[in-house]
Amino acid sequence: MPSAPSRPSREEILAAKLRENLKRRKVQARALAADLAPDGSALPKGESNG
């Protein structure tokens, strides 16, 4: 039975770094949205003149 490698592969390392980066970017985007919309809404509501 082949043993599992003791260290992660290059692809696994890159995938983990991408996940960390995505998580960090989401936190930054939420913080920016909160600064732009202090009433709690993430996106501004546009006026509709139908």
N, C-alpha and C. Protein backbone atom coordinates (compact mmCIF):
# COMPACT_ATOMS: atom_id res chain seq x y z
N MET A 1 0.85 -1.18 0.00
CA MET A 1 0.00 0.00 0.00
C MET A 1 0.89 1.24 0.00
N PRO A 2 0.71 2.14 -0.97
CA PRO A 2 1.56 3.34 -1.03
C PRO A 2 1.21 4.31 0.12
N SER A 3 2.26 4.88 0.69
CA SER A 3 2.03 5.83 1.79
C SER A 3 1.77 7.22 1.24
N ALA A 4 1.01 8.00 1.97
CA ALA A 4 0.70 9.37 1.57
C ALA A 4 1.94 10.25 1.79
N PRO A 5 2.15 11.22 0.94
CA PRO A 5 3.31 12.10 1.12
C PRO A 5 3.18 12.89 2.42
N SER A 6 4.30 13.12 3.09
CA SER A 6 4.28 13.79 4.39
C SER A 6 4.06 15.30 4.24
N ARG A 7 4.37 15.85 3.08
CA ARG A 7 4.14 17.28 2.88
C ARG A 7 3.15 17.48 1.72
N PRO A 8 2.42 18.58 1.76
CA PRO A 8 1.42 18.82 0.70
C PRO A 8 2.10 19.07 -0.65
N SER A 9 1.38 18.73 -1.70
CA SER A 9 1.91 18.95 -3.04
C SER A 9 1.86 20.44 -3.37
N ARG A 10 2.51 20.78 -4.43
CA ARG A 10 2.55 22.19 -4.88
C ARG A 10 1.14 22.70 -5.13
N GLU A 11 0.30 21.87 -5.75
CA GLU A 11 -1.07 22.27 -6.05
C GLU A 11 -1.86 22.51 -4.76
N GLU A 12 -1.65 21.65 -3.77
CA GLU A 12 -2.36 21.82 -2.49
C GLU A 12 -1.92 23.09 -1.79
N ILE A 13 -0.63 23.40 -1.85
CA ILE A 13 -0.12 24.62 -1.23
C ILE A 13 -0.72 25.84 -1.93
N LEU A 14 -0.72 25.83 -3.26
CA LEU A 14 -1.28 26.95 -4.01
C LEU A 14 -2.77 27.11 -3.76
N ALA A 15 -3.49 26.00 -3.68
CA ALA A 15 -4.93 26.06 -3.41
C ALA A 15 -5.19 26.67 -2.03
N ALA A 16 -4.39 26.29 -1.05
CA ALA A 16 -4.56 26.84 0.30
C ALA A 16 -4.28 28.34 0.30
N LYS A 17 -3.24 28.76 -0.43
CA LYS A 17 -2.92 30.18 -0.49
C LYS A 17 -4.01 30.97 -1.19
N LEU A 18 -4.59 30.37 -2.25
CA LEU A 18 -5.70 31.03 -2.94
C LEU A 18 -6.91 31.18 -2.03
N ARG A 19 -7.21 30.15 -1.25
CA ARG A 19 -8.34 30.23 -0.31
C ARG A 19 -8.10 31.32 0.72
N GLU A 20 -6.89 31.40 1.26
CA GLU A 20 -6.57 32.43 2.25
C GLU A 20 -6.70 33.82 1.63
N ASN A 21 -6.22 33.97 0.40
CA ASN A 21 -6.28 35.25 -0.29
C ASN A 21 -7.74 35.65 -0.54
N LEU A 22 -8.56 34.70 -0.98
CA LEU A 22 -9.97 34.98 -1.23
C LEU A 22 -10.67 35.41 0.05
N LYS A 23 -10.37 34.71 1.14
CA LYS A 23 -10.97 35.04 2.43
C LYS A 23 -10.59 36.47 2.85
N ARG A 24 -9.31 36.80 2.68
CA ARG A 24 -8.81 38.13 3.04
C ARG A 24 -9.47 39.21 2.18
N ARG A 25 -9.60 38.95 0.87
CA ARG A 25 -10.23 39.91 -0.04
C ARG A 25 -11.70 40.13 0.29
N LYS A 26 -12.41 39.05 0.68
CA LYS A 26 -13.81 39.18 1.06
C LYS A 26 -13.96 40.06 2.29
N VAL A 27 -13.07 39.87 3.27
CA VAL A 27 -13.12 40.69 4.49
C VAL A 27 -12.87 42.15 4.13
N GLN A 28 -11.90 42.40 3.25
CA GLN A 28 -11.60 43.77 2.84
C GLN A 28 -12.79 44.39 2.10
N ALA A 29 -13.43 43.62 1.22
CA ALA A 29 -14.56 44.12 0.46
C ALA A 29 -15.73 44.45 1.39
N ARG A 30 -15.97 43.59 2.38
CA ARG A 30 -17.05 43.86 3.33
C ARG A 30 -16.76 45.11 4.15
N ALA A 31 -15.51 45.30 4.55
CA ALA A 31 -15.14 46.48 5.32
C ALA A 31 -15.32 47.74 4.47
N LEU A 32 -14.93 47.67 3.21
CA LEU A 32 -15.08 48.82 2.32
C LEU A 32 -16.55 49.13 2.09
N ALA A 33 -17.36 48.10 1.89
CA ALA A 33 -18.79 48.30 1.68
C ALA A 33 -19.44 48.90 2.93
N ALA A 34 -18.99 48.49 4.09
CA ALA A 34 -19.54 49.03 5.34
C ALA A 34 -19.17 50.51 5.48
N ASP A 35 -17.98 50.89 5.03
CA ASP A 35 -17.57 52.29 5.09
C ASP A 35 -18.39 53.14 4.11
N LEU A 36 -18.71 52.58 2.96
CA LEU A 36 -19.45 53.33 1.95
C LEU A 36 -20.94 53.42 2.26
N ALA A 37 -21.47 52.42 2.97
CA ALA A 37 -22.89 52.38 3.28
C ALA A 37 -23.07 52.20 4.79
N PRO A 38 -23.01 53.28 5.56
CA PRO A 38 -23.09 53.15 7.02
C PRO A 38 -24.45 52.66 7.53
N ASP A 39 -25.49 52.68 6.70
CA ASP A 39 -26.81 52.21 7.14
C ASP A 39 -26.90 50.69 7.15
N GLY A 40 -25.84 50.00 6.73
CA GLY A 40 -25.83 48.55 6.79
C GLY A 40 -26.08 47.87 5.46
N SER A 41 -26.56 48.59 4.47
CA SER A 41 -26.77 47.96 3.17
C SER A 41 -25.45 47.92 2.41
N ALA A 42 -25.16 46.80 1.79
CA ALA A 42 -23.90 46.62 1.10
C ALA A 42 -23.88 47.37 -0.23
N LEU A 43 -25.02 47.43 -0.90
CA LEU A 43 -25.09 48.09 -2.20
C LEU A 43 -26.06 49.26 -2.14
N PRO A 44 -25.70 50.38 -2.78
CA PRO A 44 -26.62 51.52 -2.79
C PRO A 44 -27.85 51.20 -3.65
N LYS A 45 -28.98 51.73 -3.25
CA LYS A 45 -30.21 51.52 -4.01
C LYS A 45 -30.35 52.68 -4.99
N GLY A 46 -30.54 52.34 -6.26
CA GLY A 46 -30.68 53.35 -7.30
C GLY A 46 -32.12 53.84 -7.42
N GLU A 47 -32.27 55.06 -7.86
CA GLU A 47 -33.60 55.62 -8.11
C GLU A 47 -34.13 55.04 -9.42
N SER A 48 -35.37 54.62 -9.43
CA SER A 48 -35.99 54.07 -10.63
C SER A 48 -37.12 55.00 -11.06
N ASN A 49 -36.97 55.56 -12.26
CA ASN A 49 -37.98 56.49 -12.78
C ASN A 49 -38.81 55.84 -13.87
N GLY A 50 -38.86 54.52 -13.88
CA GLY A 50 -39.62 53.66 -14.72
C GLY A 50 -40.06 54.09 -15.99
